[in-house]
Amino acid sequence: MMYRGEVVHGKGRGTRIGFPTLNFKIPDPFPYEHGIYAGWVSAGDRRYEAVFHYGPIPMFHESDPSLEAFLLDGVMLQKHSEISIEFIKKLREIKMFRTVHELTEQIGADIQEAKKALNS
C-alpha cells in the first residue's frame, strides 16, 4: 500500500555516516511493525528503490519512532509536492549497534538485500 510521504527535517546523522536519508512524518494510520524494509519512494513521475527504517533508534538512545529512507541510487530529493512511500518487504528487526562501523556494515548488507527484494 502506498502512503503520502511528508518530508521533515532530520538530525543529519545519516549524512555524517555516509547514508543520507529522507525523513518523513509518520502517516496516521501506519499499520507496519517497526523494522527495516525494502520499498519505493515515488516523486513526480520517478520511482526510487529505498531502504526504510521505521521505529526507534537504539544506537542514538531514541525511543520515539522515526521513519526514514535511504535511496539506493544515492539521489537526494528536494521538496516535492507529491512524495509517496511503499514498503515491499521487511528485511529485519531493528538492532542495537555498539559502533557506527557495525551500523554502516549492516546498512550495506540491508542495501544488498533490498536490491534483491525489489528486483525479484
PDB file of N, CA and C in Angstrom:
ATOM      1  N   MET A   1       0.837  -1.174   0.000  1.00  0.00           N
ATOM      2  CA  MET A   1       0.000   0.000   0.000  1.00  0.00           C
ATOM      3  C   MET A   1       0.888   1.245   0.000  1.00  0.00           C
ATOM      4  N   MET A   2       0.505   2.241  -0.764  1.00  0.00           N
ATOM      5  CA  MET A   2       1.281   3.483  -0.833  1.00  0.00           C
ATOM      6  C   MET A   2       0.738   4.497   0.161  1.00  0.00           C
ATOM      7  N   TYR A   3       1.648   5.269   0.727  1.00  0.00           N
ATOM      8  CA  TYR A   3       1.290   6.330   1.668  1.00  0.00           C
ATOM      9  C   TYR A   3       1.931   7.628   1.212  1.00  0.00           C
ATOM     10  N   ARG A   4       1.233   8.719   1.435  1.00  0.00           N
ATOM     11  CA  ARG A   4       1.798  10.030   1.134  1.00  0.00           C
ATOM     12  C   ARG A   4       2.914  10.278   2.134  1.00  0.00           C
ATOM     13  N   GLY A   5       4.068  10.701   1.633  1.00  0.00           N
ATOM     14  CA  GLY A   5       5.219  10.944   2.492  1.00  0.00           C
ATOM     15  C   GLY A   5       5.475  12.427   2.657  1.00  0.00           C
ATOM     16  N   GLU A   6       5.270  12.925   3.861  1.00  0.00           N
ATOM     17  CA  GLU A   6       5.567  14.328   4.149  1.00  0.00           C
ATOM     18  C   GLU A   6       6.988  14.411   4.704  1.00  0.00           C
ATOM     19  N   VAL A   7       7.886  15.038   3.937  1.00  0.00           N
ATOM     20  CA  VAL A   7       9.288  15.126   4.327  1.00  0.00           C
ATOM     21  C   VAL A   7       9.443  16.116   5.479  1.00  0.00           C
ATOM     22  N   VAL A   8      10.202  15.703   6.492  1.00  0.00           N
ATOM     23  CA  VAL A   8      10.501  16.564   7.636  1.00  0.00           C
ATOM     24  C   VAL A   8      12.013  16.663   7.796  1.00  0.00           C
ATOM     25  N   HIS A   9      12.456  17.639   8.564  1.00  0.00           N
ATOM     26  CA  HIS A   9      13.877  17.856   8.787  1.00  0.00           C
ATOM     27  C   HIS A   9      14.425  16.784   9.734  1.00  0.00           C
ATOM     28  N   GLY A  10      15.531  16.162   9.345  1.00  0.00           N
ATOM     29  CA  GLY A  10      16.179  15.161  10.189  1.00  0.00           C
ATOM     30  C   GLY A  10      17.312  15.764  11.002  1.00  0.00           C
ATOM     31  N   LYS A  11      18.070  14.905  11.666  1.00  0.00           N
ATOM     32  CA  LYS A  11      19.168  15.355  12.528  1.00  0.00           C
ATOM     33  C   LYS A  11      20.513  15.364  11.816  1.00  0.00           C
ATOM     34  N   GLY A  12      20.572  14.848  10.587  1.00  0.00           N
ATOM     35  CA  GLY A  12      21.809  14.878   9.819  1.00  0.00           C
ATOM     36  C   GLY A  12      22.772  13.743  10.097  1.00  0.00           C
ATOM     37  N   ARG A  13      22.394  12.791  10.945  1.00  0.00           N
ATOM     38  CA  ARG A  13      23.312  11.693  11.277  1.00  0.00           C
ATOM     39  C   ARG A  13      23.572  10.801  10.078  1.00  0.00           C
ATOM     40  N   GLY A  14      22.526  10.540   9.266  1.00  0.00           N
ATOM     41  CA  GLY A  14      22.708   9.682   8.084  1.00  0.00           C
ATOM     42  C   GLY A  14      23.759  10.235   7.145  1.00  0.00           C
ATOM     43  N   THR A  15      23.728  11.530   6.926  1.00  0.00           N
ATOM     44  CA  THR A  15      24.717  12.172   6.060  1.00  0.00           C
ATOM     45  C   THR A  15      26.113  12.023   6.648  1.00  0.00           C
ATOM     46  N   ARG A  16      26.241  12.209   7.952  1.00  0.00           N
ATOM     47  CA  ARG A  16      27.552  12.119   8.603  1.00  0.00           C
ATOM     48  C   ARG A  16      28.154  10.727   8.516  1.00  0.00           C
ATOM     49  N   ILE A  17      27.313   9.687   8.480  1.00  0.00           N
ATOM     50  CA  ILE A  17      27.865   8.326   8.412  1.00  0.00           C
ATOM     51  C   ILE A  17      27.896   7.783   6.978  1.00  0.00           C
ATOM     52  N   GLY A  18      27.526   8.619   6.004  1.00  0.00           N
ATOM     53  CA  GLY A  18      27.631   8.211   4.604  1.00  0.00           C
ATOM     54  C   GLY A  18      26.361   7.659   3.983  1.00  0.00           C
ATOM     55  N   PHE A  19      25.245   7.742   4.692  1.00  0.00           N
ATOM     56  CA  PHE A  19      23.964   7.254   4.185  1.00  0.00           C
ATOM     57  C   PHE A  19      22.885   8.314   4.426  1.00  0.00           C
ATOM     58  N   PRO A  20      22.876   9.373   3.617  1.00  0.00           N
ATOM     59  CA  PRO A  20      21.876  10.427   3.816  1.00  0.00           C
ATOM     60  C   PRO A  20      20.464   9.893   3.595  1.00  0.00           C
ATOM     61  N   THR A  21      19.551  10.297   4.456  1.00  0.00           N
ATOM     62  CA  THR A  21      18.185   9.791   4.378  1.00  0.00           C
ATOM     63  C   THR A  21      17.182  10.925   4.223  1.00  0.00           C
ATOM     64  N   LEU A  22      16.036  10.548   3.674  1.00  0.00           N
ATOM     65  CA  LEU A  22      14.858  11.404   3.706  1.00  0.00           C
ATOM     66  C   LEU A  22      14.097  11.029   4.965  1.00  0.00           C
ATOM     67  N   ASN A  23      13.706  12.000   5.737  1.00  0.00           N
ATOM     68  CA  ASN A  23      12.941  11.754   6.954  1.00  0.00           C
ATOM     69  C   ASN A  23      11.489  12.138   6.692  1.00  0.00           C
ATOM     70  N   PHE A  24      10.573  11.304   7.179  1.00  0.00           N
ATOM     71  CA  PHE A  24       9.150  11.516   6.936  1.00  0.00           C
ATOM     72  C   PHE A  24       8.369  11.628   8.223  1.00  0.00           C
ATOM     73  N   LYS A  25       7.302  12.420   8.169  1.00  0.00           N
ATOM     74  CA  LYS A  25       6.306  12.386   9.223  1.00  0.00           C
ATOM     75  C   LYS A  25       5.621  11.029   9.098  1.00  0.00           C
ATOM     76  N   ILE A  26       5.423  10.338  10.212  1.00  0.00           N
ATOM     77  CA  ILE A  26       4.818   9.009  10.172  1.00  0.00           C
ATOM     78  C   ILE A  26       3.330   9.163   9.873  1.00  0.00           C
ATOM     79  N   PRO A  27       2.870   8.534   8.778  1.00  0.00           N
ATOM     80  CA  PRO A  27       1.445   8.630   8.444  1.00  0.00           C
ATOM     81  C   PRO A  27       0.581   8.029   9.559  1.00  0.00           C
ATOM     82  N   ASP A  28      -0.624   8.535   9.688  1.00  0.00           N
ATOM     83  CA  ASP A  28      -1.559   8.025  10.691  1.00  0.00           C
ATOM     84  C   ASP A  28      -2.880   7.718   9.997  1.00  0.00           C
ATOM     85  N   PRO A  29      -3.277   6.464   9.913  1.00  0.00           N
ATOM     86  CA  PRO A  29      -2.652   5.277  10.494  1.00  0.00           C
ATOM     87  C   PRO A  29      -1.493   4.771   9.632  1.00  0.00           C
ATOM     88  N   PHE A  30      -0.613   4.000  10.266  1.00  0.00           N
ATOM     89  CA  PHE A  30       0.512   3.378   9.579  1.00  0.00           C
ATOM     90  C   PHE A  30       0.645   1.979  10.171  1.00  0.00           C
ATOM     91  N   PRO A  31       0.176   0.948   9.471  1.00  0.00           N
ATOM     92  CA  PRO A  31      -0.034  -0.368  10.080  1.00  0.00           C
ATOM     93  C   PRO A  31       1.194  -1.265  10.202  1.00  0.00           C
ATOM     94  N   TYR A  32       2.372  -0.759   9.923  1.00  0.00           N
ATOM     95  CA  TYR A  32       3.552  -1.622   9.905  1.00  0.00           C
ATOM     96  C   TYR A  32       4.188  -1.763  11.281  1.00  0.00           C
ATOM     97  N   GLU A  33       4.823  -2.926  11.482  1.00  0.00           N
ATOM     98  CA  GLU A  33       5.635  -3.143  12.682  1.00  0.00           C
ATOM     99  C   GLU A  33       6.956  -2.417  12.499  1.00  0.00           C
ATOM    100  N   HIS A  34       7.598  -2.063  13.588  1.00  0.00           N
ATOM    101  CA  HIS A  34       8.920  -1.453  13.500  1.00  0.00           C
ATOM    102  C   HIS A  34       9.884  -2.430  12.832  1.00  0.00           C
ATOM    103  N   GLY A  35      10.805  -1.879  12.046  1.00  0.00           N
ATOM    104  CA  GLY A  35      11.787  -2.719  11.385  1.00  0.00           C
ATOM    105  C   GLY A  35      12.443  -2.003  10.223  1.00  0.00           C
ATOM    106  N   ILE A  36      13.245  -2.759   9.486  1.00  0.00           N
ATOM    107  CA  ILE A  36      13.940  -2.273   8.295  1.00  0.00           C
ATOM    108  C   ILE A  36      13.247  -2.922   7.092  1.00  0.00           C
ATOM    109  N   TYR A  37      12.910  -2.093   6.091  1.00  0.00           N
ATOM    110  CA  TYR A  37      12.118  -2.551   4.952  1.00  0.00           C
ATOM    111  C   TYR A  37      12.767  -2.151   3.632  1.00  0.00           C
ATOM    112  N   ALA A  38      12.528  -2.971   2.611  1.00  0.00           N
ATOM    113  CA  ALA A  38      12.812  -2.601   1.228  1.00  0.00           C
ATOM    114  C   ALA A  38      11.524  -2.017   0.669  1.00  0.00           C
ATOM    115  N   GLY A  39      11.670  -0.991  -0.166  1.00  0.00           N
ATOM    116  CA  GLY A  39      10.464  -0.404  -0.738  1.00  0.00           C
ATOM    117  C   GLY A  39      10.781   0.659  -1.772  1.00  0.00           C
ATOM    118  N   TRP A  40       9.786   1.486  -2.028  1.00  0.00           N
ATOM    119  CA  TRP A  40       9.877   2.501  -3.072  1.00  0.00           C
ATOM    120  C   TRP A  40       9.511   3.875  -2.531  1.00  0.00           C
ATOM    121  N   VAL A  41      10.216   4.877  -3.042  1.00  0.00           N
ATOM    122  CA  VAL A  41       9.849   6.281  -2.843  1.00  0.00           C
ATOM    123  C   VAL A  41       9.524   6.816  -4.229  1.00  0.00           C
ATOM    124  N   SER A  42       8.348   7.385  -4.385  1.00  0.00           N
ATOM    125  CA  SER A  42       7.934   7.965  -5.662  1.00  0.00           C
ATOM    126  C   SER A  42       7.806   9.467  -5.514  1.00  0.00           C
ATOM    127  N   ALA A  43       8.358  10.188  -6.493  1.00  0.00           N
ATOM    128  CA  ALA A  43       8.287  11.654  -6.508  1.00  0.00           C
ATOM    129  C   ALA A  43       8.058  12.082  -7.950  1.00  0.00           C
ATOM    130  N   GLY A  44       6.974  12.791  -8.177  1.00  0.00           N
ATOM    131  CA  GLY A  44       6.643  13.168  -9.542  1.00  0.00           C
ATOM    132  C   GLY A  44       6.436  11.916 -10.366  1.00  0.00           C
ATOM    133  N   ASP A  45       7.122  11.819 -11.494  1.00  0.00           N
ATOM    134  CA  ASP A  45       6.981  10.640 -12.345  1.00  0.00           C
ATOM    135  C   ASP A  45       8.136   9.644 -12.185  1.00  0.00           C
ATOM    136  N   ARG A  46       8.926   9.782 -11.116  1.00  0.00           N
ATOM    137  CA  ARG A  46      10.074   8.882 -10.883  1.00  0.00           C
ATOM    138  C   ARG A  46       9.825   8.007  -9.663  1.00  0.00           C
ATOM    139  N   ARG A  47      10.419   6.828  -9.710  1.00  0.00           N
ATOM    140  CA  ARG A  47      10.320   5.881  -8.606  1.00  0.00           C
ATOM    141  C   ARG A  47      11.729   5.446  -8.238  1.00  0.00           C
ATOM    142  N   TYR A  48      12.029   5.425  -6.942  1.00  0.00           N
ATOM    143  CA  TYR A  48      13.374   5.143  -6.448  1.00  0.00           C
ATOM    144  C   TYR A  48      13.344   3.954  -5.492  1.00  0.00           C
ATOM    145  N   GLU A  49      14.312   3.039  -5.651  1.00  0.00           N
ATOM    146  CA  GLU A  49      14.481   1.955  -4.697  1.00  0.00           C
ATOM    147  C   GLU A  49      14.966   2.548  -3.368  1.00  0.00           C
ATOM    148  N   ALA A  50      14.477   1.970  -2.270  1.00  0.00           N
ATOM    149  CA  ALA A  50      14.830   2.534  -0.968  1.00  0.00           C
ATOM    150  C   ALA A  50      14.913   1.453   0.105  1.00  0.00           C
ATOM    151  N   VAL A  51      15.717   1.755   1.120  1.00  0.00           N
ATOM    152  CA  VAL A  51      15.706   1.009   2.375  1.00  0.00           C
ATOM    153  C   VAL A  51      15.114   1.954   3.406  1.00  0.00           C
ATOM    154  N   PHE A  52      14.086   1.480   4.111  1.00  0.00           N
ATOM    155  CA  PHE A  52      13.397   2.280   5.126  1.00  0.00           C
ATOM    156  C   PHE A  52      13.761   1.802   6.528  1.00  0.00           C
ATOM    157  N   HIS A  53      13.903   2.750   7.426  1.00  0.00           N
ATOM    158  CA  HIS A  53      13.985   2.468   8.859  1.00  0.00           C
ATOM    159  C   HIS A  53      12.695   3.015   9.455  1.00  0.00           C
ATOM    160  N   TYR A  54      11.954   2.143  10.156  1.00  0.00           N
ATOM    161  CA  TYR A  54      10.749   2.596  10.840  1.00  0.00           C
ATOM    162  C   TYR A  54      10.797   2.091  12.277  1.00  0.00           C
ATOM    163  N   GLY A  55      10.917   3.020  13.210  1.00  0.00           N
ATOM    164  CA  GLY A  55      10.926   2.653  14.618  1.00  0.00           C
ATOM    165  C   GLY A  55      11.931   3.462  15.403  1.00  0.00           C
ATOM    166  N   PRO A  56      12.220   3.012  16.629  1.00  0.00           N
ATOM    167  CA  PRO A  56      13.188   3.710  17.478  1.00  0.00           C
ATOM    168  C   PRO A  56      14.599   3.552  16.928  1.00  0.00           C
ATOM    169  N   ILE A  57      15.507   4.367  17.441  1.00  0.00           N
ATOM    170  CA  ILE A  57      16.917   4.289  17.035  1.00  0.00           C
ATOM    171  C   ILE A  57      17.745   4.052  18.297  1.00  0.00           C
ATOM    172  N   PRO A  58      17.892   2.779  18.695  1.00  0.00           N
ATOM    173  CA  PRO A  58      18.548   2.495  19.973  1.00  0.00           C
ATOM    174  C   PRO A  58      19.994   2.960  20.049  1.00  0.00           C
ATOM    175  N   MET A  59      20.717   2.935  18.939  1.00  0.00           N
ATOM    176  CA  MET A  59      22.118   3.346  18.980  1.00  0.00           C
ATOM    177  C   MET A  59      22.271   4.795  19.442  1.00  0.00           C
ATOM    178  N   PHE A  60      21.291   5.618  19.100  1.00  0.00           N
ATOM    179  CA  PHE A  60      21.338   7.027  19.475  1.00  0.00           C
ATOM    180  C   PHE A  60      20.370   7.343  20.614  1.00  0.00           C
ATOM    181  N   HIS A  61      19.953   6.293  21.344  1.00  0.00           N
ATOM    182  CA  HIS A  61      19.120   6.408  22.539  1.00  0.00           C
ATOM    183  C   HIS A  61      17.810   7.147  22.272  1.00  0.00           C
ATOM    184  N   GLU A  62      17.201   6.868  21.106  1.00  0.00           N
ATOM    185  CA  GLU A  62      15.925   7.491  20.755  1.00  0.00           C
ATOM    186  C   GLU A  62      14.840   6.424  20.766  1.00  0.00           C
ATOM    187  N   SER A  63      13.888   6.572  21.684  1.00  0.00           N
ATOM    188  CA  SER A  63      12.805   5.591  21.781  1.00  0.00           C
ATOM    189  C   SER A  63      11.598   5.982  20.939  1.00  0.00           C
ATOM    190  N   ASP A  64      11.461   7.271  20.592  1.00  0.00           N
ATOM    191  CA  ASP A  64      10.359   7.676  19.729  1.00  0.00           C
ATOM    192  C   ASP A  64      10.622   7.158  18.321  1.00  0.00           C
ATOM    193  N   PRO A  65       9.604   6.599  17.664  1.00  0.00           N
ATOM    194  CA  PRO A  65       9.829   6.058  16.324  1.00  0.00           C
ATOM    195  C   PRO A  65      10.121   7.142  15.293  1.00  0.00           C
ATOM    196  N   SER A  66      10.936   6.782  14.325  1.00  0.00           N
ATOM    197  CA  SER A  66      11.196   7.652  13.178  1.00  0.00           C
ATOM    198  C   SER A  66      10.931   6.841  11.918  1.00  0.00           C
ATOM    199  N   LEU A  67      10.728   7.544  10.820  1.00  0.00           N
ATOM    200  CA  LEU A  67      10.531   6.918   9.517  1.00  0.00           C
ATOM    201  C   LEU A  67      11.454   7.630   8.554  1.00  0.00           C
ATOM    202  N   GLU A  68      12.417   6.886   8.016  1.00  0.00           N
ATOM    203  CA  GLU A  68      13.365   7.494   7.100  1.00  0.00           C
ATOM    204  C   GLU A  68      13.730   6.520   6.001  1.00  0.00           C
ATOM    205  N   ALA A  69      14.182   7.067   4.866  1.00  0.00           N
ATOM    206  CA  ALA A  69      14.502   6.250   3.704  1.00  0.00           C
ATOM    207  C   ALA A  69      15.855   6.647   3.140  1.00  0.00           C
ATOM    208  N   PHE A  70      16.666   5.645   2.831  1.00  0.00           N
ATOM    209  CA  PHE A  70      17.900   5.838   2.077  1.00  0.00           C
ATOM    210  C   PHE A  70      17.613   5.382   0.658  1.00  0.00           C
ATOM    211  N   LEU A  71      17.766   6.284  -0.312  1.00  0.00           N
ATOM    212  CA  LEU A  71      17.517   5.952  -1.711  1.00  0.00           C
ATOM    213  C   LEU A  71      18.753   5.276  -2.288  1.00  0.00           C
ATOM    214  N   LEU A  72      18.565   4.107  -2.887  1.00  0.00           N
ATOM    215  CA  LEU A  72      19.694   3.269  -3.280  1.00  0.00           C
ATOM    216  C   LEU A  72      20.538   3.858  -4.396  1.00  0.00           C
ATOM    217  N   ASP A  73      19.970   4.732  -5.216  1.00  0.00           N
ATOM    218  CA  ASP A  73      20.786   5.325  -6.285  1.00  0.00           C
ATOM    219  C   ASP A  73      21.517   6.575  -5.811  1.00  0.00           C
ATOM    220  N   GLY A  74      21.412   6.877  -4.519  1.00  0.00           N
ATOM    221  CA  GLY A  74      22.168   7.975  -3.936  1.00  0.00           C
ATOM    222  C   GLY A  74      21.596   9.360  -4.161  1.00  0.00           C
ATOM    223  N   VAL A  75      20.480   9.470  -4.866  1.00  0.00           N
ATOM    224  CA  VAL A  75      19.893  10.782  -5.114  1.00  0.00           C
ATOM    225  C   VAL A  75      19.270  11.311  -3.818  1.00  0.00           C
ATOM    226  N   MET A  76      19.312  12.608  -3.635  1.00  0.00           N
ATOM    227  CA  MET A  76      18.615  13.237  -2.511  1.00  0.00           C
ATOM    228  C   MET A  76      17.542  14.135  -3.094  1.00  0.00           C
ATOM    229  N   LEU A  77      16.307  13.804  -2.833  1.00  0.00           N
ATOM    230  CA  LEU A  77      15.186  14.575  -3.356  1.00  0.00           C
ATOM    231  C   LEU A  77      15.032  15.873  -2.596  1.00  0.00           C
ATOM    232  N   GLN A  78      14.734  16.912  -3.321  1.00  0.00           N
ATOM    233  CA  GLN A  78      14.354  18.163  -2.691  1.00  0.00           C
ATOM    234  C   GLN A  78      12.854  18.086  -2.425  1.00  0.00           C
ATOM    235  N   LYS A  79      12.304  19.127  -1.851  1.00  0.00           N
ATOM    236  CA  LYS A  79      10.868  19.119  -1.550  1.00  0.00           C
ATOM    237  C   LYS A  79      10.069  18.921  -2.828  1.00  0.00           C
ATOM    238  N   HIS A  80       9.190  17.959  -2.804  1.00  0.00           N
ATOM    239  CA  HIS A  80       8.244  17.705  -3.883  1.00  0.00           C
ATOM    240  C   HIS A  80       6.848  17.836  -3.308  1.00  0.00           C
ATOM    241  N   SER A  81       5.925  18.239  -4.137  1.00  0.00           N
ATOM    242  CA  SER A  81       4.554  18.354  -3.644  1.00  0.00           C
ATOM    243  C   SER A  81       3.946  16.974  -3.418  1.00  0.00           C
ATOM    244  N   GLU A  82       4.388  15.985  -4.188  1.00  0.00           N
ATOM    245  CA  GLU A  82       3.835  14.643  -4.066  1.00  0.00           C
ATOM    246  C   GLU A  82       4.958  13.625  -3.899  1.00  0.00           C
ATOM    247  N   ILE A  83       5.139  13.120  -2.707  1.00  0.00           N
ATOM    248  CA  ILE A  83       6.056  12.010  -2.467  1.00  0.00           C
ATOM    249  C   ILE A  83       5.237  10.891  -1.848  1.00  0.00           C
ATOM    250  N   SER A  84       5.405   9.695  -2.398  1.00  0.00           N
ATOM    251  CA  SER A  84       4.717   8.528  -1.856  1.00  0.00           C
ATOM    252  C   SER A  84       5.748   7.513  -1.415  1.00  0.00           C
ATOM    253  N   ILE A  85       5.404   6.756  -0.384  1.00  0.00           N
ATOM    254  CA  ILE A  85       6.278   5.699   0.103  1.00  0.00           C
ATOM    255  C   ILE A  85       5.504   4.380   0.088  1.00  0.00           C
ATOM    256  N   GLU A  86       6.243   3.310  -0.180  1.00  0.00           N
ATOM    257  CA  GLU A  86       5.626   1.990  -0.243  1.00  0.00           C
ATOM    258  C   GLU A  86       6.609   0.957   0.291  1.00  0.00           C
ATOM    259  N   PHE A  87       6.201   0.229   1.319  1.00  0.00           N
ATOM    260  CA  PHE A  87       7.002  -0.870   1.841  1.00  0.00           C
ATOM    261  C   PHE A  87       6.682  -2.118   1.030  1.00  0.00           C
ATOM    262  N   ILE A  88       7.711  -2.864   0.625  1.00  0.00           N
ATOM    263  CA  ILE A  88       7.528  -4.092  -0.140  1.00  0.00           C
ATOM    264  C   ILE A  88       7.836  -5.329   0.709  1.00  0.00           C
ATOM    265  N   LYS A  89       8.963  -5.287   1.440  1.00  0.00           N
ATOM    266  CA  LYS A  89       9.369  -6.469   2.207  1.00  0.00           C
ATOM    267  C   LYS A  89      10.122  -6.053   3.464  1.00  0.00           C
ATOM    268  N   LYS A  90       9.767  -6.679   4.576  1.00  0.00           N
ATOM    269  CA  LYS A  90      10.521  -6.457   5.804  1.00  0.00           C
ATOM    270  C   LYS A  90      11.817  -7.239   5.716  1.00  0.00           C
ATOM    271  N   LEU A  91      12.937  -6.545   5.934  1.00  0.00           N
ATOM    272  CA  LEU A  91      14.250  -7.170   5.843  1.00  0.00           C
ATOM    273  C   LEU A  91      14.728  -7.725   7.174  1.00  0.00           C
ATOM    274  N   ARG A  92      14.449  -6.978   8.253  1.00  0.00           N
ATOM    275  CA  ARG A  92      14.921  -7.424   9.567  1.00  0.00           C
ATOM    276  C   ARG A  92      14.305  -6.558  10.658  1.00  0.00           C
ATOM    277  N   GLU A  93      14.549  -6.994  11.887  1.00  0.00           N
ATOM    278  CA  GLU A  93      14.156  -6.218  13.062  1.00  0.00           C
ATOM    279  C   GLU A  93      15.185  -5.108  13.292  1.00  0.00           C
ATOM    280  N   ILE A  94      14.824  -4.133  14.099  1.00  0.00           N
ATOM    281  CA  ILE A  94      15.759  -3.079  14.497  1.00  0.00           C
ATOM    282  C   ILE A  94      16.735  -3.665  15.513  1.00  0.00           C
ATOM    283  N   LYS A  95      18.006  -3.326  15.370  1.00  0.00           N
ATOM    284  CA  LYS A  95      19.052  -3.837  16.247  1.00  0.00           C
ATOM    285  C   LYS A  95      19.770  -2.693  16.955  1.00  0.00           C
ATOM    286  N   MET A  96      20.421  -3.034  18.039  1.00  0.00           N
ATOM    287  CA  MET A  96      21.315  -2.107  18.736  1.00  0.00           C
ATOM    288  C   MET A  96      22.728  -2.390  18.240  1.00  0.00           C
ATOM    289  N   PHE A  97      23.435  -1.348  17.847  1.00  0.00           N
ATOM    290  CA  PHE A  97      24.819  -1.488  17.392  1.00  0.00           C
ATOM    291  C   PHE A  97      25.730  -0.809  18.394  1.00  0.00           C
ATOM    292  N   ARG A  98      26.900  -1.411  18.613  1.00  0.00           N
ATOM    293  CA  ARG A  98      27.861  -0.832  19.556  1.00  0.00           C
ATOM    294  C   ARG A  98      28.665   0.295  18.938  1.00  0.00           C
ATOM    295  N   THR A  99      28.888   0.208  17.611  1.00  0.00           N
ATOM    296  CA  THR A  99      29.721   1.216  16.952  1.00  0.00           C
ATOM    297  C   THR A  99      29.066   1.660  15.637  1.00  0.00           C
ATOM    298  N   VAL A 100      29.469   2.818  15.154  1.00  0.00           N
ATOM    299  CA  VAL A 100      28.993   3.308  13.868  1.00  0.00           C
ATOM    300  C   VAL A 100      29.461   2.366  12.758  1.00  0.00           C
ATOM    301  N   HIS A 101      30.651   1.801  12.906  1.00  0.00           N
ATOM    302  CA  HIS A 101      31.166   0.850  11.914  1.00  0.00           C
ATOM    303  C   HIS A 101      30.233  -0.356  11.779  1.00  0.00           C
ATOM    304  N   GLU A 102      29.791  -0.919  12.908  1.00  0.00           N
ATOM    305  CA  GLU A 102      28.845  -2.040  12.863  1.00  0.00           C
ATOM    306  C   GLU A 102      27.555  -1.627  12.162  1.00  0.00           C
ATOM    307  N   LEU A 103      27.074  -0.429  12.474  1.00  0.00           N
ATOM    308  CA  LEU A 103      25.856   0.082  11.851  1.00  0.00           C
ATOM    309  C   LEU A 103      26.020   0.223  10.341  1.00  0.00           C
ATOM    310  N   THR A 104      27.118   0.824   9.893  1.00  0.00           N
ATOM    311  CA  THR A 104      27.300   1.040   8.455  1.00  0.00           C
ATOM    312  C   THR A 104      27.493  -0.286   7.714  1.00  0.00           C
ATOM    313  N   GLU A 105      28.139  -1.266   8.346  1.00  0.00           N
ATOM    314  CA  GLU A 105      28.245  -2.588   7.725  1.00  0.00           C
ATOM    315  C   GLU A 105      26.868  -3.212   7.546  1.00  0.00           C
ATOM    316  N   GLN A 106      26.017  -3.078   8.559  1.00  0.00           N
ATOM    317  CA  GLN A 106      24.666  -3.639   8.472  1.00  0.00           C
ATOM    318  C   GLN A 106      23.848  -2.905   7.409  1.00  0.00           C
ATOM    319  N   ILE A 107      23.993  -1.593   7.319  1.00  0.00           N
ATOM    320  CA  ILE A 107      23.276  -0.842   6.286  1.00  0.00           C
ATOM    321  C   ILE A 107      23.694  -1.340   4.900  1.00  0.00           C
ATOM    322  N   GLY A 108      24.982  -1.583   4.698  1.00  0.00           N
ATOM    323  CA  GLY A 108      25.453  -2.134   3.428  1.00  0.00           C
ATOM    324  C   GLY A 108      24.793  -3.468   3.111  1.00  0.00           C
ATOM    325  N   ALA A 109      24.677  -4.333   4.111  1.00  0.00           N
ATOM    326  CA  ALA A 109      24.009  -5.630   3.916  1.00  0.00           C
ATOM    327  C   ALA A 109      22.519  -5.430   3.632  1.00  0.00           C
ATOM    328  N   ASP A 110      21.898  -4.477   4.323  1.00  0.00           N
ATOM    329  CA  ASP A 110      20.477  -4.183   4.086  1.00  0.00           C
ATOM    330  C   ASP A 110      20.250  -3.709   2.653  1.00  0.00           C
ATOM    331  N   ILE A 111      21.162  -2.908   2.140  1.00  0.00           N
ATOM    332  CA  ILE A 111      21.050  -2.407   0.774  1.00  0.00           C
ATOM    333  C   ILE A 111      21.084  -3.563  -0.228  1.00  0.00           C
ATOM    334  N   GLN A 112      21.996  -4.522  -0.007  1.00  0.00           N
ATOM    335  CA  GLN A 112      22.083  -5.687  -0.908  1.00  0.00           C
ATOM    336  C   GLN A 112      20.803  -6.512  -0.846  1.00  0.00           C
ATOM    337  N   GLU A 113      20.262  -6.707   0.355  1.00  0.00           N
ATOM    338  CA  GLU A 113      19.017  -7.464   0.500  1.00  0.00           C
ATOM    339  C   GLU A 113      17.848  -6.729  -0.156  1.00  0.00           C
ATOM    340  N   ALA A 114      17.819  -5.407  -0.031  1.00  0.00           N
ATOM    341  CA  ALA A 114      16.742  -4.614  -0.637  1.00  0.00           C
ATOM    342  C   ALA A 114      16.793  -4.711  -2.153  1.00  0.00           C
ATOM    343  N   LYS A 115      17.996  -4.645  -2.723  1.00  0.00           N
ATOM    344  CA  LYS A 115      18.125  -4.769  -4.172  1.00  0.00           C
ATOM    345  C   LYS A 115      17.565  -6.099  -4.656  1.00  0.00           C
ATOM    346  N   LYS A 116      17.865  -7.182  -3.934  1.00  0.00           N
ATOM    347  CA  LYS A 116      17.344  -8.493  -4.308  1.00  0.00           C
ATOM    348  C   LYS A 116      15.818  -8.507  -4.212  1.00  0.00           C
ATOM    349  N   ALA A 117      15.291  -7.971  -3.125  1.00  0.00           N
ATOM    350  CA  ALA A 117      13.839  -7.990  -2.906  1.00  0.00           C
ATOM    351  C   ALA A 117      13.095  -7.161  -3.944  1.00  0.00           C
ATOM    352  N   LEU A 118      13.669  -6.053  -4.361  1.00  0.00           N
ATOM    353  CA  LEU A 118      12.978  -5.140  -5.276  1.00  0.00           C
ATOM    354  C   LEU A 118      13.157  -5.519  -6.739  1.00  0.00           C
ATOM    355  N   ASN A 119      14.138  -6.333  -7.028  1.00  0.00           N
ATOM    356  CA  ASN A 119      14.397  -6.731  -8.413  1.00  0.00           C
ATOM    357  C   ASN A 119      14.050  -8.181  -8.689  1.00  0.00           C
ATOM    358  N   SER A 120      13.310  -8.801  -7.779  1.00  0.00           N
ATOM    359  CA  SER A 120      12.959 -10.209  -7.989  1.00  0.00           C
ATOM    360  C   SER A 120      11.653 -10.354  -8.748  1.00  0.00           C
TER     361      SER A 120
END
